[in-house]
Amino acid sequence: QVQLVESGGGLIQPGGSLRLSCAASGLTFSSYAMRWYRRAPGKERELVAAISSTGGTINYADSVKGRFTIFRDNAKNTVTLQMNSLELEDTAVYYCNAADVFSYWGQGTQVTVSS
């Protein structure tokens, strides 16, 4: 059974930092591209960051470039999203996604940026 478990969300003031982690189990993690998505209230789901199976290719949404960093540890089956200089507009539920032939999702973790 594939499981993706996100952690690290919370309430943070603008300008602050959070680190989201996604722990994967039940799949050959090193074969999967990993992505972080988010869904803000009243908005469509947005791809935030993506990293290839080897970590050699990384992409970011324009809205987070220079502020967010995605990285993975294939030995620990984890993918992390380091979020710096958080803005009010970053408030959303953040989801971890594993994509290969199949696609798997975590349950999401809430990030709220508020003063």
C-alpha atoms as a PDB file:
ATOM      1  CA  GLN A   1       0.000   0.000   0.000  1.00  0.00           C
ATOM      2  CA  VAL A   2       1.449   3.303  -1.096  1.00  0.00           C
ATOM      3  CA  GLN A   3       1.477   6.052   1.489  1.00  0.00           C
ATOM      4  CA  LEU A   4       2.633   9.640   1.226  1.00  0.00           C
ATOM      5  CA  VAL A   5       2.589  11.479   4.521  1.00  0.00           C
ATOM      6  CA  GLU A   6       3.178  15.220   4.599  1.00  0.00           C
ATOM      7  CA  SER A   7       4.271  17.121   7.657  1.00  0.00           C
ATOM      8  CA  GLY A   8       5.586  20.525   8.612  1.00  0.00           C
ATOM      9  CA  GLY A   9       2.680  22.804   7.883  1.00  0.00           C
ATOM     10  CA  GLY A  10       1.449  25.437  10.271  1.00  0.00           C
ATOM     11  CA  LEU A  11       0.809  29.091  10.937  1.00  0.00           C
ATOM     12  CA  ILE A  12       3.608  31.460  10.067  1.00  0.00           C
ATOM     13  CA  GLN A  13       3.995  35.203   9.738  1.00  0.00           C
ATOM     14  CA  PRO A  14       4.824  36.810   6.398  1.00  0.00           C
ATOM     15  CA  GLY A  15       8.525  36.628   5.714  1.00  0.00           C
ATOM     16  CA  GLY A  16       8.938  33.480   7.734  1.00  0.00           C
ATOM     17  CA  SER A  17      10.057  30.009   6.719  1.00  0.00           C
ATOM     18  CA  LEU A  18       8.592  26.546   6.862  1.00  0.00           C
ATOM     19  CA  ARG A  19       9.876  23.183   5.793  1.00  0.00           C
ATOM     20  CA  LEU A  20       7.431  20.620   4.473  1.00  0.00           C
ATOM     21  CA  SER A  21       8.383  16.981   4.355  1.00  0.00           C
ATOM     22  CA  CYS A  22       6.793  14.050   2.579  1.00  0.00           C
ATOM     23  CA  ALA A  23       7.623  10.530   3.650  1.00  0.00           C
ATOM     24  CA  ALA A  24       6.853   7.831   1.112  1.00  0.00           C
ATOM     25  CA  SER A  25       6.363   4.129   1.616  1.00  0.00           C
ATOM     26  CA  GLY A  26       5.077   1.198  -0.396  1.00  0.00           C
ATOM     27  CA  LEU A  27       6.678   2.257  -3.666  1.00  0.00           C
ATOM     28  CA  THR A  28      10.077   2.298  -5.324  1.00  0.00           C
ATOM     29  CA  PHE A  29      10.662   5.894  -4.391  1.00  0.00           C
ATOM     30  CA  SER A  30      13.729   6.392  -6.555  1.00  0.00           C
ATOM     31  CA  SER A  31      11.659   5.627  -9.660  1.00  0.00           C
ATOM     32  CA  TYR A  32       9.168   8.401  -9.083  1.00  0.00           C
ATOM     33  CA  ALA A  33       9.240  12.045  -9.936  1.00  0.00           C
ATOM     34  CA  MET A  34       7.988  13.966  -6.935  1.00  0.00           C
ATOM     35  CA  ARG A  35       5.921  17.109  -6.920  1.00  0.00           C
ATOM     36  CA  TRP A  36       4.450  19.548  -4.465  1.00  0.00           C
ATOM     37  CA  TYR A  37       1.091  21.046  -5.307  1.00  0.00           C
ATOM     38  CA  ARG A  38      -1.043  23.470  -3.411  1.00  0.00           C
ATOM     39  CA  ARG A  39      -4.658  24.485  -3.386  1.00  0.00           C
ATOM     40  CA  ALA A  40      -5.616  27.835  -1.989  1.00  0.00           C
ATOM     41  CA  PRO A  41      -9.199  28.626  -0.983  1.00  0.00           C
ATOM     42  CA  GLY A  42     -11.279  29.360  -4.055  1.00  0.00           C
ATOM     43  CA  LYS A  43      -8.442  28.593  -6.434  1.00  0.00           C
ATOM     44  CA  GLU A  44      -7.425  25.703  -8.628  1.00  0.00           C
ATOM     45  CA  ARG A  45      -4.687  23.326  -7.696  1.00  0.00           C
ATOM     46  CA  GLU A  46      -1.261  24.683  -8.579  1.00  0.00           C
ATOM     47  CA  LEU A  47       1.977  22.842  -9.231  1.00  0.00           C
ATOM     48  CA  VAL A  48       4.534  24.447  -6.949  1.00  0.00           C
ATOM     49  CA  ALA A  49       7.702  22.430  -7.479  1.00  0.00           C
ATOM     50  CA  ALA A  50       8.820  19.235  -9.159  1.00  0.00           C
ATOM     51  CA  ILE A  51      11.917  17.106  -8.943  1.00  0.00           C
ATOM     52  CA  SER A  52      12.848  14.200 -11.180  1.00  0.00           C
ATOM     53  CA  SER A  53      13.493  10.717  -9.865  1.00  0.00           C
ATOM     54  CA  THR A  54      17.239  11.298  -9.667  1.00  0.00           C
ATOM     55  CA  GLY A  55      16.973  14.896  -8.551  1.00  0.00           C
ATOM     56  CA  GLY A  56      18.700  16.063 -11.687  1.00  0.00           C
ATOM     57  CA  THR A  57      15.794  18.121 -12.989  1.00  0.00           C
ATOM     58  CA  ILE A  58      13.932  20.623 -10.854  1.00  0.00           C
ATOM     59  CA  ASN A  59      11.207  23.055 -11.787  1.00  0.00           C
ATOM     60  CA  TYR A  60       9.322  25.720  -9.880  1.00  0.00           C
ATOM     61  CA  ALA A  61       6.233  27.767 -10.398  1.00  0.00           C
ATOM     62  CA  ASP A  62       7.109  31.365 -11.207  1.00  0.00           C
ATOM     63  CA  SER A  63       5.324  32.466  -8.046  1.00  0.00           C
ATOM     64  CA  VAL A  64       7.789  30.636  -5.803  1.00  0.00           C
ATOM     65  CA  LYS A  65      11.060  30.824  -7.720  1.00  0.00           C
ATOM     66  CA  GLY A  66      13.870  32.084  -5.549  1.00  0.00           C
ATOM     67  CA  ARG A  67      11.893  31.450  -2.368  1.00  0.00           C
ATOM     68  CA  PHE A  68      11.153  27.717  -2.363  1.00  0.00           C
ATOM     69  CA  THR A  69      13.564  24.831  -2.731  1.00  0.00           C
ATOM     70  CA  ILE A  70      12.669  21.218  -3.394  1.00  0.00           C
ATOM     71  CA  PHE A  71      15.045  18.361  -2.687  1.00  0.00           C
ATOM     72  CA  ARG A  72      14.833  14.662  -2.124  1.00  0.00           C
ATOM     73  CA  ASP A  73      16.648  11.890  -0.302  1.00  0.00           C
ATOM     74  CA  ASN A  74      16.193   8.613  -2.115  1.00  0.00           C
ATOM     75  CA  ALA A  75      17.884   6.719   0.693  1.00  0.00           C
ATOM     76  CA  LYS A  76      15.253   7.956   3.157  1.00  0.00           C
ATOM     77  CA  ASN A  77      12.296   8.041   0.743  1.00  0.00           C
ATOM     78  CA  THR A  78      11.603  11.667   1.500  1.00  0.00           C
ATOM     79  CA  VAL A  79      11.021  14.827  -0.463  1.00  0.00           C
ATOM     80  CA  THR A  80      11.217  18.227   1.162  1.00  0.00           C
ATOM     81  CA  LEU A  81       9.971  21.676   0.274  1.00  0.00           C
ATOM     82  CA  GLN A  82      11.876  24.453   1.981  1.00  0.00           C
ATOM     83  CA  MET A  83       9.770  27.599   1.896  1.00  0.00           C
ATOM     84  CA  ASN A  84      11.363  30.948   2.673  1.00  0.00           C
ATOM     85  CA  SER A  85      10.109  34.514   2.536  1.00  0.00           C
ATOM     86  CA  LEU A  86       6.559  33.291   2.826  1.00  0.00           C
ATOM     87  CA  GLU A  87       3.810  35.550   1.572  1.00  0.00           C
ATOM     88  CA  LEU A  88       0.122  35.784   2.357  1.00  0.00           C
ATOM     89  CA  GLU A  89      -0.562  34.297  -1.079  1.00  0.00           C
ATOM     90  CA  ASP A  90       1.279  31.118  -0.121  1.00  0.00           C
ATOM     91  CA  THR A  91      -1.566  30.155   2.190  1.00  0.00           C
ATOM     92  CA  ALA A  92      -2.900  26.829   0.950  1.00  0.00           C
ATOM     93  CA  VAL A  93      -3.089  23.141   1.561  1.00  0.00           C
ATOM     94  CA  TYR A  94       0.109  21.609   0.228  1.00  0.00           C
ATOM     95  CA  TYR A  95       0.083  18.134  -1.273  1.00  0.00           C
ATOM     96  CA  CYS A  96       2.859  15.727  -2.054  1.00  0.00           C
ATOM     97  CA  ASN A  97       2.537  13.774  -5.289  1.00  0.00           C
ATOM     98  CA  ALA A  98       4.482  10.810  -6.630  1.00  0.00           C
ATOM     99  CA  ALA A  99       4.253  10.325 -10.376  1.00  0.00           C
ATOM    100  CA  ASP A 100       5.390   7.520 -12.627  1.00  0.00           C
ATOM    101  CA  VAL A 101       3.036   5.188 -14.465  1.00  0.00           C
ATOM    102  CA  PHE A 102       0.734   5.735 -11.520  1.00  0.00           C
ATOM    103  CA  SER A 103       0.140   8.838  -9.464  1.00  0.00           C
ATOM    104  CA  TYR A 104      -0.197   8.936  -5.698  1.00  0.00           C
ATOM    105  CA  TRP A 105      -1.173  11.729  -3.338  1.00  0.00           C
ATOM    106  CA  GLY A 106      -0.712  12.572   0.271  1.00  0.00           C
ATOM    107  CA  GLN A 107      -3.444  13.882   2.509  1.00  0.00           C
ATOM    108  CA  GLY A 108      -2.152  17.432   2.486  1.00  0.00           C
ATOM    109  CA  THR A 109      -0.797  19.792   5.093  1.00  0.00           C
ATOM    110  CA  GLN A 110      -2.131  23.266   5.801  1.00  0.00           C
ATOM    111  CA  VAL A 111       0.144  26.266   5.496  1.00  0.00           C
ATOM    112  CA  THR A 112      -1.298  29.539   6.719  1.00  0.00           C
ATOM    113  CA  VAL A 113       0.642  32.754   6.295  1.00  0.00           C
ATOM    114  CA  SER A 114      -0.874  35.487   8.398  1.00  0.00           C
ATOM    115  CA  SER A 115       0.165  38.439  10.494  1.00  0.00           C
END
